[in-house]
C-alpha atoms as a PDB file:
ATOM      1  CA  MET A   1      46.158 -72.043  53.383  1.00  0.00           C
ATOM      2  CA  THR A   2      44.013 -68.982  53.699  1.00  0.00           C
ATOM      3  CA  ARG A   3      43.679 -66.366  51.035  1.00  0.00           C
ATOM      4  CA  LYS A   4      45.884 -63.926  52.960  1.00  0.00           C
ATOM      5  CA  GLN A   5      48.658 -66.509  53.370  1.00  0.00           C
ATOM      6  CA  ARG A   6      48.608 -67.339  49.626  1.00  0.00           C
ATOM      7  CA  ARG A   7      48.854 -63.651  48.779  1.00  0.00           C
ATOM      8  CA  LEU A   8      51.816 -63.170  51.144  1.00  0.00           C
ATOM      9  CA  ALA A   9      53.522 -66.285  49.729  1.00  0.00           C
ATOM     10  CA  LEU A  10      53.029 -64.984  46.182  1.00  0.00           C
ATOM     11  CA  ILE A  11      54.379 -61.537  47.067  1.00  0.00           C
ATOM     12  CA  GLY A  12      57.354 -63.085  48.902  1.00  0.00           C
ATOM     13  CA  SER A  13      58.249 -65.375  46.012  1.00  0.00           C
ATOM     14  CA  ALA A  14      57.893 -62.509  43.507  1.00  0.00           C
ATOM     15  CA  LEU A  15      60.271 -60.369  45.595  1.00  0.00           C
ATOM     16  CA  ALA A  16      62.731 -63.260  45.820  1.00  0.00           C
ATOM     17  CA  VAL A  17      62.685 -63.748  42.041  1.00  0.00           C
ATOM     18  CA  LEU A  18      63.075 -59.988  41.493  1.00  0.00           C
ATOM     19  CA  GLY A  19      66.008 -59.855  43.922  1.00  0.00           C
ATOM     20  CA  LEU A  20      67.690 -62.822  42.236  1.00  0.00           C
ATOM     21  CA  ALA A  21      67.244 -61.207  38.796  1.00  0.00           C
ATOM     22  CA  ALA A  22      68.727 -57.912  40.051  1.00  0.00           C
ATOM     23  CA  ALA A  23      71.699 -59.742  41.592  1.00  0.00           C
ATOM     24  CA  LEU A  24      72.371 -61.605  38.331  1.00  0.00           C
ATOM     25  CA  VAL A  25      72.187 -58.413  36.253  1.00  0.00           C
ATOM     26  CA  LEU A  26      74.511 -56.497  38.599  1.00  0.00           C
ATOM     27  CA  ASN A  27      76.970 -59.392  38.667  1.00  0.00           C
ATOM     28  CA  ALA A  28      77.021 -59.550  34.860  1.00  0.00           C
ATOM     29  CA  LEU A  29      77.579 -55.780  34.572  1.00  0.00           C
ATOM     30  CA  LYS A  30      80.101 -55.299  37.375  1.00  0.00           C
ATOM     31  CA  ASP A  31      83.067 -54.882  34.986  1.00  0.00           C
ATOM     32  CA  SER A  32      81.299 -52.523  32.595  1.00  0.00           C
ATOM     33  CA  ILE A  33      79.634 -50.149  35.075  1.00  0.00           C
ATOM     34  CA  VAL A  34      82.721 -47.911  35.277  1.00  0.00           C
ATOM     35  CA  PHE A  35      82.644 -44.657  33.309  1.00  0.00           C
ATOM     36  CA  PHE A  36      85.892 -45.554  31.537  1.00  0.00           C
ATOM     37  CA  ASN A  37      88.959 -47.775  31.787  1.00  0.00           C
ATOM     38  CA  SER A  38      92.473 -46.361  31.939  1.00  0.00           C
ATOM     39  CA  PRO A  39      95.069 -47.495  29.390  1.00  0.00           C
ATOM     40  CA  THR A  40      96.871 -49.410  32.156  1.00  0.00           C
ATOM     41  CA  GLU A  41      93.683 -51.348  32.964  1.00  0.00           C
ATOM     42  CA  ILE A  42      93.145 -52.174  29.294  1.00  0.00           C
ATOM     43  CA  VAL A  43      96.729 -53.381  28.774  1.00  0.00           C
ATOM     44  CA  GLU A  44      96.958 -55.358  32.033  1.00  0.00           C
ATOM     45  CA  LYS A  45      93.401 -56.718  32.263  1.00  0.00           C
ATOM     46  CA  PRO A  46      92.600 -59.260  29.561  1.00  0.00           C
ATOM     47  CA  THR A  47      89.844 -57.780  27.404  1.00  0.00           C
ATOM     48  CA  ARG A  48      88.306 -59.898  24.689  1.00  0.00           C
ATOM     49  CA  PRO A  49      88.790 -58.356  21.211  1.00  0.00           C
ATOM     50  CA  GLY A  50      85.516 -56.989  19.872  1.00  0.00           C
ATOM     51  CA  THR A  51      84.333 -55.955  23.340  1.00  0.00           C
ATOM     52  CA  ARG A  52      82.728 -52.512  23.483  1.00  0.00           C
ATOM     53  CA  ILE A  53      84.426 -50.383  26.170  1.00  0.00           C
ATOM     54  CA  ARG A  54      85.367 -46.804  27.063  1.00  0.00           C
ATOM     55  CA  ILE A  55      88.938 -45.662  27.488  1.00  0.00           C
ATOM     56  CA  GLY A  56      89.906 -42.444  29.209  1.00  0.00           C
ATOM     57  CA  GLY A  57      93.127 -40.550  29.680  1.00  0.00           C
ATOM     58  CA  LEU A  58      95.208 -37.820  28.105  1.00  0.00           C
ATOM     59  CA  VAL A  59      95.958 -37.458  24.402  1.00  0.00           C
ATOM     60  CA  LYS A  60      99.691 -38.177  24.277  1.00  0.00           C
ATOM     61  CA  PRO A  61     101.587 -35.187  22.837  1.00  0.00           C
ATOM     62  CA  GLY A  62     103.185 -35.833  19.450  1.00  0.00           C
ATOM     63  CA  THR A  63     100.952 -38.765  18.521  1.00  0.00           C
ATOM     64  CA  VAL A  64      98.046 -37.051  16.735  1.00  0.00           C
ATOM     65  CA  VAL A  65      98.219 -37.938  13.011  1.00  0.00           C
ATOM     66  CA  HIS A  66      95.502 -36.869  10.576  1.00  0.00           C
ATOM     67  CA  ALA A  67      95.004 -39.128   7.536  1.00  0.00           C
ATOM     68  CA  SER A  68      94.702 -37.769   4.004  1.00  0.00           C
ATOM     69  CA  ASP A  69      90.896 -38.069   4.049  1.00  0.00           C
ATOM     70  CA  ALA A  70      90.782 -35.323   6.746  1.00  0.00           C
ATOM     71  CA  LEU A  71      88.281 -37.297   8.822  1.00  0.00           C
ATOM     72  CA  THR A  72      90.456 -40.137  10.132  1.00  0.00           C
ATOM     73  CA  VAL A  73      92.816 -39.435  13.001  1.00  0.00           C
ATOM     74  CA  HIS A  74      95.216 -41.705  14.900  1.00  0.00           C
ATOM     75  CA  PHE A  75      96.511 -40.858  18.368  1.00  0.00           C
ATOM     76  CA  ASP A  76      97.575 -42.483  21.628  1.00  0.00           C
ATOM     77  CA  VAL A  77      95.680 -42.233  24.903  1.00  0.00           C
ATOM     78  CA  THR A  78      97.928 -42.376  27.956  1.00  0.00           C
ATOM     79  CA  ASP A  79      97.614 -42.336  31.710  1.00  0.00           C
ATOM     80  CA  GLY A  80     101.330 -41.690  32.147  1.00  0.00           C
ATOM     81  CA  ASN A  81     102.025 -45.381  32.627  1.00  0.00           C
ATOM     82  CA  LYS A  82     100.721 -47.172  29.517  1.00  0.00           C
ATOM     83  CA  ASP A  83      99.564 -46.017  26.073  1.00  0.00           C
ATOM     84  CA  VAL A  84      96.790 -47.355  23.854  1.00  0.00           C
ATOM     85  CA  PRO A  85      96.683 -46.474  20.130  1.00  0.00           C
ATOM     86  CA  VAL A  86      93.303 -45.131  19.005  1.00  0.00           C
ATOM     87  CA  ALA A  87      91.861 -44.725  15.506  1.00  0.00           C
ATOM     88  CA  TYR A  88      88.817 -42.529  14.940  1.00  0.00           C
ATOM     89  CA  THR A  89      86.921 -41.499  11.821  1.00  0.00           C
ATOM     90  CA  GLY A  90      84.633 -38.507  12.124  1.00  0.00           C
ATOM     91  CA  ALA A  91      84.527 -34.919  13.265  1.00  0.00           C
ATOM     92  CA  LEU A  92      86.545 -34.295  16.416  1.00  0.00           C
ATOM     93  CA  PRO A  93      85.232 -32.116  19.248  1.00  0.00           C
ATOM     94  CA  ASP A  94      86.492 -28.526  19.246  1.00  0.00           C
ATOM     95  CA  LEU A  95      88.363 -29.047  22.524  1.00  0.00           C
ATOM     96  CA  PHE A  96      90.276 -32.114  21.269  1.00  0.00           C
ATOM     97  CA  ARG A  97      94.036 -31.474  21.354  1.00  0.00           C
ATOM     98  CA  GLU A  98      97.282 -32.998  22.546  1.00  0.00           C
ATOM     99  CA  GLY A  99      97.726 -33.137  26.298  1.00  0.00           C
ATOM    100  CA  GLN A 100      93.978 -32.759  26.994  1.00  0.00           C
ATOM    101  CA  GLY A 101      91.677 -35.251  28.642  1.00  0.00           C
ATOM    102  CA  VAL A 102      89.632 -37.495  26.367  1.00  0.00           C
ATOM    103  CA  VAL A 103      87.183 -40.372  26.667  1.00  0.00           C
ATOM    104  CA  ALA A 104      86.839 -42.659  23.641  1.00  0.00           C
ATOM    105  CA  GLU A 105      84.092 -45.231  23.231  1.00  0.00           C
ATOM    106  CA  GLY A 106      84.490 -48.107  20.803  1.00  0.00           C
ATOM    107  CA  ILE A 107      85.887 -51.581  20.223  1.00  0.00           C
ATOM    108  CA  LEU A 108      89.257 -53.032  21.177  1.00  0.00           C
ATOM    109  CA  GLN A 109      90.695 -54.894  18.194  1.00  0.00           C
ATOM    110  CA  SER A 110      92.792 -58.051  18.321  1.00  0.00           C
ATOM    111  CA  ASP A 111      95.998 -56.156  17.390  1.00  0.00           C
ATOM    112  CA  GLY A 112      95.639 -53.959  20.506  1.00  0.00           C
ATOM    113  CA  GLN A 113      94.406 -50.871  18.640  1.00  0.00           C
ATOM    114  CA  PHE A 114      91.250 -49.204  19.862  1.00  0.00           C
ATOM    115  CA  LYS A 115      88.733 -48.385  17.101  1.00  0.00           C
ATOM    116  CA  ALA A 116      86.700 -45.484  18.492  1.00  0.00           C
ATOM    117  CA  ASP A 117      83.314 -44.385  17.208  1.00  0.00           C
ATOM    118  CA  VAL A 118      82.684 -41.699  19.854  1.00  0.00           C
ATOM    119  CA  ILE A 119      85.217 -39.147  21.172  1.00  0.00           C
ATOM    120  CA  LEU A 120      84.411 -36.952  24.161  1.00  0.00           C
ATOM    121  CA  ALA A 121      86.817 -34.130  25.001  1.00  0.00           C
ATOM    122  CA  LYS A 122      87.115 -32.565  28.428  1.00  0.00           C
ATOM    123  CA  HIS A 123      84.686 -29.646  28.379  1.00  0.00           C
ATOM    124  CA  ASP A 124      85.797 -27.614  31.372  1.00  0.00           C
ATOM    125  CA  GLU A 125      89.373 -26.994  32.389  1.00  0.00           C
ATOM    126  CA  ARG A 126      88.587 -25.973  35.943  1.00  0.00           C
ATOM    127  CA  TYR A 127      87.861 -29.440  37.360  1.00  0.00           C
ATOM    128  CA  MET A 128      89.300 -32.940  37.224  1.00  0.00           C
ATOM    129  CA  PRO A 129      87.593 -36.081  38.591  1.00  0.00           C
ATOM    130  CA  LYS A 130      88.952 -37.178  41.959  1.00  0.00           C
ATOM    131  CA  GLU A 131      89.870 -40.620  40.570  1.00  0.00           C
ATOM    132  CA  VAL A 132      92.086 -39.079  37.861  1.00  0.00           C
ATOM    133  CA  VAL A 133      93.774 -36.827  40.428  1.00  0.00           C
ATOM    134  CA  ASP A 134      94.436 -39.809  42.701  1.00  0.00           C
ATOM    135  CA  ALA A 135      95.877 -41.855  39.801  1.00  0.00           C
ATOM    136  CA  LEU A 136      98.162 -38.984  38.767  1.00  0.00           C
ATOM    137  CA  LYS A 137      99.317 -38.512  42.375  1.00  0.00           C
ATOM    138  CA  LYS A 138     100.183 -42.220  42.625  1.00  0.00           C
ATOM    139  CA  GLN A 139     102.347 -41.893  39.511  1.00  0.00           C
ATOM    140  CA  GLY A 140     104.039 -38.739  40.809  1.00  0.00           C
ATOM    141  CA  ARG A 141     102.793 -36.708  37.807  1.00  0.00           C
ATOM    142  CA  TRP A 142     100.566 -34.347  39.802  1.00  0.00           C
ATOM    143  CA  GLN A 143     101.461 -30.665  39.972  1.00  0.00           C
ATOM    144  CA  GLU A 144      99.772 -28.415  42.437  1.00  0.00           C
ATOM    145  CA  SER A 145     100.417 -24.713  42.017  1.00  0.00           C
ATOM    146  CA  GLY A 146     103.532 -25.489  39.993  1.00  0.00           C
ATOM    147  CA  ALA A 147     105.084 -27.963  42.436  1.00  0.00           C
ATOM    148  CA  VAL A 148     104.943 -31.750  42.380  1.00  0.00           C
ATOM    149  CA  GLY A 149     104.090 -33.303  45.724  1.00  0.00           C
ATOM    150  CA  ALA A 150     102.670 -30.157  47.308  1.00  0.00           C
ATOM    151  CA  ALA A 151      99.846 -30.129  49.842  1.00  0.00           C
ATOM    152  CA  PRO A 152      96.710 -32.213  49.189  1.00  0.00           C
ATOM    153  CA  ALA A 153      94.282 -30.823  46.616  1.00  0.00           C
ATOM    154  CA  LYS A 154      91.093 -29.133  47.757  1.00  0.00           C
ATOM    155  CA  GLN A 155      87.868 -30.712  46.554  1.00  0.00           C
ATOM    156  CA  ASP A 156      84.423 -29.282  45.982  1.00  0.00           C
ATOM    157  CA  ALA A 157      81.211 -30.886  47.261  1.00  0.00           C
ATOM    158  CA  LEU A 158      81.171 -33.387  44.368  1.00  0.00           C
ATOM    159  CA  GLY A 159      84.766 -34.500  44.887  1.00  0.00           C
ATOM    160  CA  ALA A 160      86.127 -32.573  41.881  1.00  0.00           C
ATOM    161  CA  VAL A 161      89.470 -30.817  42.105  1.00  0.00           C
ATOM    162  CA  PRO A 162      90.279 -27.439  40.518  1.00  0.00           C
ATOM    163  CA  ALA A 163      92.256 -28.000  37.334  1.00  0.00           C
ATOM    164  CA  LYS A 164      94.810 -25.305  38.069  1.00  0.00           C
ATOM    165  CA  GLN A 165      96.437 -28.227  39.811  1.00  0.00           C
ATOM    166  CA  GLN A 166      97.386 -29.767  36.452  1.00  0.00           C
ATOM    167  CA  VAL A 167      99.637 -32.548  35.283  1.00  0.00           C
ATOM    168  CA  ARG A 168     103.058 -31.779  33.820  1.00  0.00           C
END
């Protein structure tokens, strides 16, 4: 084998190993690459207790309970179909309130409660992700200009939908 052929063989095998490594990493991460899981996905999809995940949805009205230590709060996150109880200790974002969108990052416990260590509240009320809009439309909970089941929502260049088309 000439020097050029050895070099090409080495480069080819290095690319093959790199491609195999990338495929293995992507396969291992395919379930955790999503930005967040809905409560329905968490309840229906078996998730091993102790697994670190993100859950996203709306803070269910009437479920926010502050503990006596003033830092611990318990609430339910809902997608209109299923609810997941969440416990969080720490300072809540200013925009956190009942009926608002929230993403919680933490650990699912064996009793089904979600122990959050990070809470992210929706920061802008003018837009909703397209995926959330589609999920709410499927459930029949989407209101557009005050009417459920109205014409399709308009989207901007990034696929976001104006939030004036809110849920009930």
